[in-house]
Protein backbone atom coordinates (compact mmCIF):
# COMPACT_ATOMS: atom_id res chain seq x y z
CA UNK A 1 -33.21 5.69 25.86
CA UNK A 2 -35.57 6.31 22.90
CA UNK A 3 -34.25 6.74 19.37
CA UNK A 4 -33.98 10.38 18.31
CA UNK A 5 -35.76 10.30 14.94
CA UNK A 6 -34.98 13.93 14.26
CA UNK A 7 -31.24 13.31 13.89
CA UNK A 8 -30.08 10.83 11.26
CA UNK A 9 -26.49 9.61 11.12
CA UNK A 10 -24.17 8.35 8.40
CA UNK A 11 -21.09 6.49 9.65
CA UNK A 12 -17.92 6.19 7.57
CA UNK A 13 -15.60 3.72 9.25
CA UNK A 14 -13.58 0.49 8.97
CA UNK A 15 -13.94 -2.98 10.43
CA UNK A 16 -12.66 -3.50 13.97
CA UNK A 17 -13.75 -3.92 17.57
CA UNK A 18 -13.54 -0.25 18.52
CA UNK A 19 -15.55 0.90 15.53
CA UNK A 20 -18.18 -1.79 16.14
CA UNK A 21 -18.47 -0.53 19.71
CA UNK A 22 -19.00 2.99 18.36
CA UNK A 23 -21.73 1.87 15.95
CA UNK A 24 -23.52 -0.20 18.60
CA UNK A 25 -23.42 2.71 21.01
CA UNK A 26 -24.78 5.27 18.55
CA UNK A 27 -27.62 3.08 17.27
CA UNK A 28 -29.11 2.99 20.76
CA UNK A 29 -29.76 6.74 20.68
CA UNK A 30 -29.71 7.90 17.06
CA UNK A 31 -31.16 6.66 13.79
CA UNK A 32 -28.27 5.28 11.74
CA UNK A 33 -29.15 5.63 8.04
CA UNK A 34 -25.87 4.61 6.42
CA UNK A 35 -22.82 2.57 7.44
CA UNK A 36 -19.82 2.45 5.10
CA UNK A 37 -16.87 0.17 5.88
CA UNK A 38 -13.61 1.01 4.12
CA UNK A 39 -11.17 -1.86 3.50
CA UNK A 40 -8.14 0.50 3.70
CA UNK A 41 -5.91 -1.86 1.69
CA UNK A 42 -5.12 0.83 -0.85
CA UNK A 43 -4.96 3.44 1.89
CA UNK A 44 -2.21 1.53 3.70
CA UNK A 45 -0.09 1.37 0.53
CA UNK A 46 -0.50 5.10 -0.03
CA UNK A 47 0.38 5.69 3.61
CA UNK A 48 3.61 3.72 3.24
CA UNK A 49 4.60 5.79 0.22
CA UNK A 50 3.74 8.98 2.12
CA UNK A 51 5.91 7.94 5.06
CA UNK A 52 8.84 7.12 2.79
CA UNK A 53 8.63 10.57 1.21
CA UNK A 54 8.11 12.44 4.48
CA UNK A 55 10.35 10.57 6.93
CA UNK A 56 12.86 8.66 4.81
CA UNK A 57 13.87 5.03 4.57
CA UNK A 58 15.68 4.80 7.95
CA UNK A 59 12.65 5.97 9.92
CA UNK A 60 10.29 3.69 7.99
CA UNK A 61 12.57 0.69 8.65
CA UNK A 62 12.54 1.63 12.35
CA UNK A 63 8.74 1.73 12.23
CA UNK A 64 8.56 -1.61 10.42
CA UNK A 65 10.81 -3.20 13.05
CA UNK A 66 8.13 -2.39 15.63
CA UNK A 67 5.41 -4.21 13.63
CA UNK A 68 6.27 -7.81 14.70
CA UNK A 69 6.12 -6.83 18.37
CA UNK A 70 2.77 -5.18 17.77
CA UNK A 71 1.34 -8.12 15.81
CA UNK A 72 2.64 -10.89 18.07
CA UNK A 73 1.87 -9.35 21.45
CA UNK A 74 0.10 -6.00 21.66
CA UNK A 75 -2.78 -6.69 19.28
CA UNK A 76 -3.65 -9.97 20.98
CA UNK A 77 -3.54 -8.42 24.44
CA UNK A 78 -5.76 -5.55 23.32
CA UNK A 79 -8.22 -7.91 21.65
CA UNK A 80 -8.63 -9.87 24.89
CA UNK A 81 -9.12 -6.69 26.93
CA UNK A 82 -11.39 -4.89 24.46
CA UNK A 83 -14.74 -5.92 26.02
CA UNK A 84 -13.60 -4.70 29.43
CA UNK A 85 -12.02 -1.47 28.21
CA UNK A 86 -14.75 -0.48 25.75
CA UNK A 87 -17.49 -1.66 28.09
CA UNK A 88 -19.96 -2.55 25.34
CA UNK A 89 -20.69 -4.95 22.49
CA UNK A 90 -17.66 -5.20 20.18
CA UNK A 91 -19.06 -7.31 17.34
CA UNK A 92 -21.15 -6.26 14.37
CA UNK A 93 -24.54 -7.91 13.82
CA UNK A 94 -26.22 -6.91 10.55
CA UNK A 95 -29.58 -8.08 11.87
CA UNK A 96 -29.54 -5.23 14.36
CA UNK A 97 -29.76 -2.77 11.45
CA UNK A 98 -32.92 -3.86 9.69
CA UNK A 99 -33.42 -0.54 7.88
CA UNK A 100 -29.85 -0.01 6.71
CA UNK A 101 -27.60 -2.13 4.48
CA UNK A 102 -23.92 -1.80 5.47
CA UNK A 103 -21.71 -1.15 2.45
CA UNK A 104 -18.10 -2.33 2.03
CA UNK A 105 -15.89 -0.21 -0.23
CA UNK A 106 -12.23 -0.09 -1.17
CA UNK A 107 -11.97 3.65 -0.59
CA UNK A 108 -14.12 6.03 1.39
CA UNK A 109 -13.44 8.60 -1.35
CA UNK A 110 -15.02 6.49 -4.11
CA UNK A 111 -17.88 7.82 -6.26
CA UNK A 112 -20.10 5.13 -4.71
CA UNK A 113 -19.74 6.67 -1.26
CA UNK A 114 -20.43 10.17 -2.57
CA UNK A 115 -23.65 8.92 -4.21
CA UNK A 116 -24.74 7.09 -1.07
CA UNK A 117 -24.21 10.17 1.09
CA UNK A 118 -26.18 12.36 -1.30
CA UNK A 119 -29.03 9.86 -1.32
CA UNK A 120 -29.03 9.46 2.47
CA UNK A 121 -29.04 13.13 3.39
CA UNK A 122 -27.77 12.51 6.91
CA UNK A 123 -27.94 15.26 9.51
CA UNK A 124 -24.53 14.35 10.95
CA UNK A 125 -21.68 12.32 9.41
CA UNK A 126 -19.39 10.35 11.73
CA UNK A 127 -15.87 9.48 10.53
CA UNK A 128 -13.79 6.90 12.35
CA UNK A 129 -10.79 4.90 11.17
CA UNK A 130 -10.89 5.79 7.48
CA UNK A 131 -8.51 7.32 5.00
CA UNK A 132 -8.36 11.13 4.89
CA UNK A 133 -11.48 12.51 3.19
CA UNK A 134 -10.61 14.13 -0.12
CA UNK A 135 -11.83 17.53 -1.34
CA UNK A 136 -14.53 16.02 -3.56
CA UNK A 137 -16.06 14.07 -0.68
CA UNK A 138 -15.95 17.08 1.63
CA UNK A 139 -17.73 19.07 -1.05
CA UNK A 140 -20.37 16.33 -1.33
CA UNK A 141 -20.97 16.54 2.42
CA UNK A 142 -21.63 20.23 2.04
CA UNK A 143 -23.23 21.77 5.10
CA UNK A 144 -23.71 18.46 6.91
CA UNK A 145 -21.54 18.59 10.05
CA UNK A 146 -18.87 15.89 9.88
CA UNK A 147 -17.10 14.86 13.07
CA UNK A 148 -14.27 12.51 13.98
CA UNK A 149 -12.92 10.66 17.00
CA UNK A 150 -9.20 11.39 17.13
CA UNK A 151 -7.04 9.34 19.47
CA UNK A 152 -4.89 12.24 20.60
CA UNK A 153 -5.10 15.75 22.04
CA UNK A 154 -5.08 18.18 19.14
CA UNK A 155 -3.42 20.23 17.87
CA UNK A 156 -0.33 18.93 19.67
CA UNK A 157 -0.83 15.29 18.68
CA UNK A 158 -2.42 15.19 15.25
CA UNK A 159 -2.01 12.18 12.97
CA UNK A 160 -1.71 8.72 14.50
CA UNK A 161 -1.06 7.29 17.98
CA UNK A 162 -1.41 10.57 19.82
CA UNK A 163 -1.38 9.14 23.35
CA UNK A 164 1.64 6.98 22.56
CA UNK A 165 3.67 10.05 21.58
CA UNK A 166 2.41 12.01 24.58
CA UNK A 167 3.75 9.24 26.83
CA UNK A 168 7.04 9.13 24.92
CA UNK A 169 7.38 12.88 25.54
CA UNK A 170 6.34 12.61 29.19
CA UNK A 171 3.49 14.98 28.33
CA UNK A 172 1.08 13.47 30.86
CA UNK A 173 -1.54 16.22 30.75
CA UNK A 174 -2.12 15.60 27.05
CA UNK A 175 -2.73 11.85 27.02
CA UNK A 176 -6.29 11.74 25.76
CA UNK A 177 -8.90 11.98 23.03
CA UNK A 178 -10.41 14.71 20.86
CA UNK A 179 -13.73 14.89 19.02
CA UNK A 180 -13.52 17.51 16.29
CA UNK A 181 -15.11 18.73 13.10
CA UNK A 182 -13.52 17.38 9.92
CA UNK A 183 -11.94 19.83 7.50
CA UNK A 184 -9.42 19.53 4.68
CA UNK A 185 -6.44 19.17 7.02
CA UNK A 186 -5.20 16.24 9.12
CA UNK A 187 -7.02 16.54 12.47
CA UNK A 188 -7.06 20.34 12.15
CA UNK A 189 -10.83 20.89 12.43
CA UNK A 190 -12.51 22.78 15.24
CA UNK A 191 -12.32 21.00 18.59
CA UNK A 192 -15.69 20.08 20.08
CA UNK A 193 -14.68 18.08 23.17
CA UNK A 194 -11.50 16.65 24.72
CA UNK A 195 -10.77 14.42 27.70
CA UNK A 196 -7.89 12.44 29.17
CA UNK A 197 -7.50 8.71 29.80
CA UNK A 198 -6.28 6.86 32.86
CA UNK A 199 -3.00 5.06 32.35
CA UNK A 200 -1.88 1.91 34.13
CA UNK A 201 1.50 0.23 34.48
CA UNK A 202 0.52 -2.67 32.22
CA UNK A 203 -0.69 -0.53 29.32
CA UNK A 204 0.77 -0.97 25.86
CA UNK A 205 0.24 1.19 22.75
CA UNK A 206 -2.84 -0.84 21.75
CA UNK A 207 -4.58 -0.80 25.13
CA UNK A 208 -4.16 2.94 25.49
CA UNK A 209 -5.68 3.27 22.02
CA UNK A 210 -8.76 1.35 23.21
CA UNK A 211 -8.95 3.57 26.30
CA UNK A 212 -8.85 6.62 24.06
CA UNK A 213 -11.62 5.18 21.97
CA UNK A 214 -13.78 4.39 25.01
CA UNK A 215 -13.53 8.06 25.97
CA UNK A 216 -14.16 9.06 22.36
CA UNK A 217 -17.42 7.09 22.17
CA UNK A 218 -18.71 8.98 25.19
CA UNK A 219 -17.55 12.33 23.84
CA UNK A 220 -18.94 11.84 20.34
CA UNK A 221 -22.39 11.00 21.68
CA UNK A 222 -22.31 14.27 23.62
CA UNK A 223 -21.11 16.11 20.52
CA UNK A 224 -23.89 14.69 18.34
CA UNK A 225 -26.48 15.64 20.92
CA UNK A 226 -25.27 19.22 20.83
CA UNK A 227 -25.09 19.37 17.04
CA UNK A 228 -28.61 17.97 16.71
CA UNK A 229 -29.72 20.80 19.01
CA UNK A 230 -28.08 23.31 16.61
CA UNK A 231 -24.97 23.78 18.77
CA UNK A 232 -21.84 23.79 16.59
CA UNK A 233 -19.60 25.60 19.02
CA UNK A 234 -15.92 24.72 19.36
CA UNK A 235 -13.33 25.18 22.06
CA UNK A 236 -9.92 26.80 21.93
CA UNK A 237 -6.56 25.03 21.76
CA UNK A 238 -4.92 26.89 24.62
CA UNK A 239 -1.17 27.27 24.13
CA UNK A 240 -0.64 23.90 22.44
CA UNK A 241 1.66 23.80 19.44
CA UNK A 242 0.70 21.76 16.38
CA UNK A 243 2.51 18.50 15.59
CA UNK A 244 1.81 15.73 13.08
CA UNK A 245 2.57 12.29 14.49
CA UNK A 246 3.27 9.02 12.72
CA UNK A 247 3.36 5.34 13.69
CA UNK A 248 5.47 4.06 16.60
CA UNK A 249 8.97 2.83 15.89
CA UNK A 250 10.96 0.26 17.83
CA UNK A 251 13.22 2.85 19.44
CA UNK A 252 10.30 5.11 20.39
CA UNK A 253 8.54 2.12 21.96
CA UNK A 254 11.57 1.56 24.21
CA UNK A 255 11.19 5.17 25.35
CA UNK A 256 7.45 4.59 25.88
CA UNK A 257 8.14 1.64 28.21
CA UNK A 258 10.75 3.59 30.13
CA UNK A 259 8.39 6.51 30.63
CA UNK A 260 5.61 4.22 31.90
CA UNK A 261 8.03 2.50 34.26
CA UNK A 262 9.31 5.78 35.68
CA UNK A 263 5.81 7.24 35.93
CA UNK A 264 4.46 4.43 38.07
CA UNK A 265 7.67 3.97 40.02
CA UNK A 266 7.46 7.64 41.04
CA UNK A 267 3.81 7.24 42.08
CA UNK A 268 4.55 4.15 44.16
CA UNK A 269 7.44 5.82 45.95
CA UNK A 270 5.36 8.90 46.71
CA UNK A 271 2.36 6.83 47.84
CA UNK A 272 0.23 8.19 45.00
CA UNK A 273 -1.59 5.41 43.07
């Protein structure tokens, strides 16, 4: 497919297989003018403080007790399965971007990023896996449409790990991905496209995240195509309530596994799947 010179992209993201897959996918169709990688080290510290204030020490300890399980098992399993799930190149090769110099920053909200965006003048800005954009950065973006892949069905599952919490709640119709416009809220911008993912018995919170991202890469390409053709329409939210989700905790993971087990046990007994 030829490069669409009339639509230039700026990508604000972080290092990781899923984001590399996104970049490699978009560069095949669109002219990528700027790539900013955020380290997120400071963002993680701020996030911890936010969680302590919002949820309290007991909940944060519960969340931290889940971390060893995630680090020792789930992340490794997802890393091995990433090429298959994402279905595309999952490494980043600077030589493939001869006309753009990737930039590493501590914070996506730094003055450096604002200056780069002003100088680039991108037609569409893609945000994936960064800290929340602050008011000053949003003002810098101005009229440039800014869109995000969110791993959850909004507005019901805003925040983080949307599909995980949908499974925990047995909310099977809302296990999926949203591509939306970015505004000043947390995943509250206008919804452009949404789609569900296919779950399997062996899925863990990391593999379903990759599945969400694989869907998101497809959806965001469609969204960009529409925006570049001057279509900025959004879709409604139906009757979904709005919830802000946080990281998994050890006890919620136990519920996740039980829900998966019951889901596929029911299908096997009924002869469905």
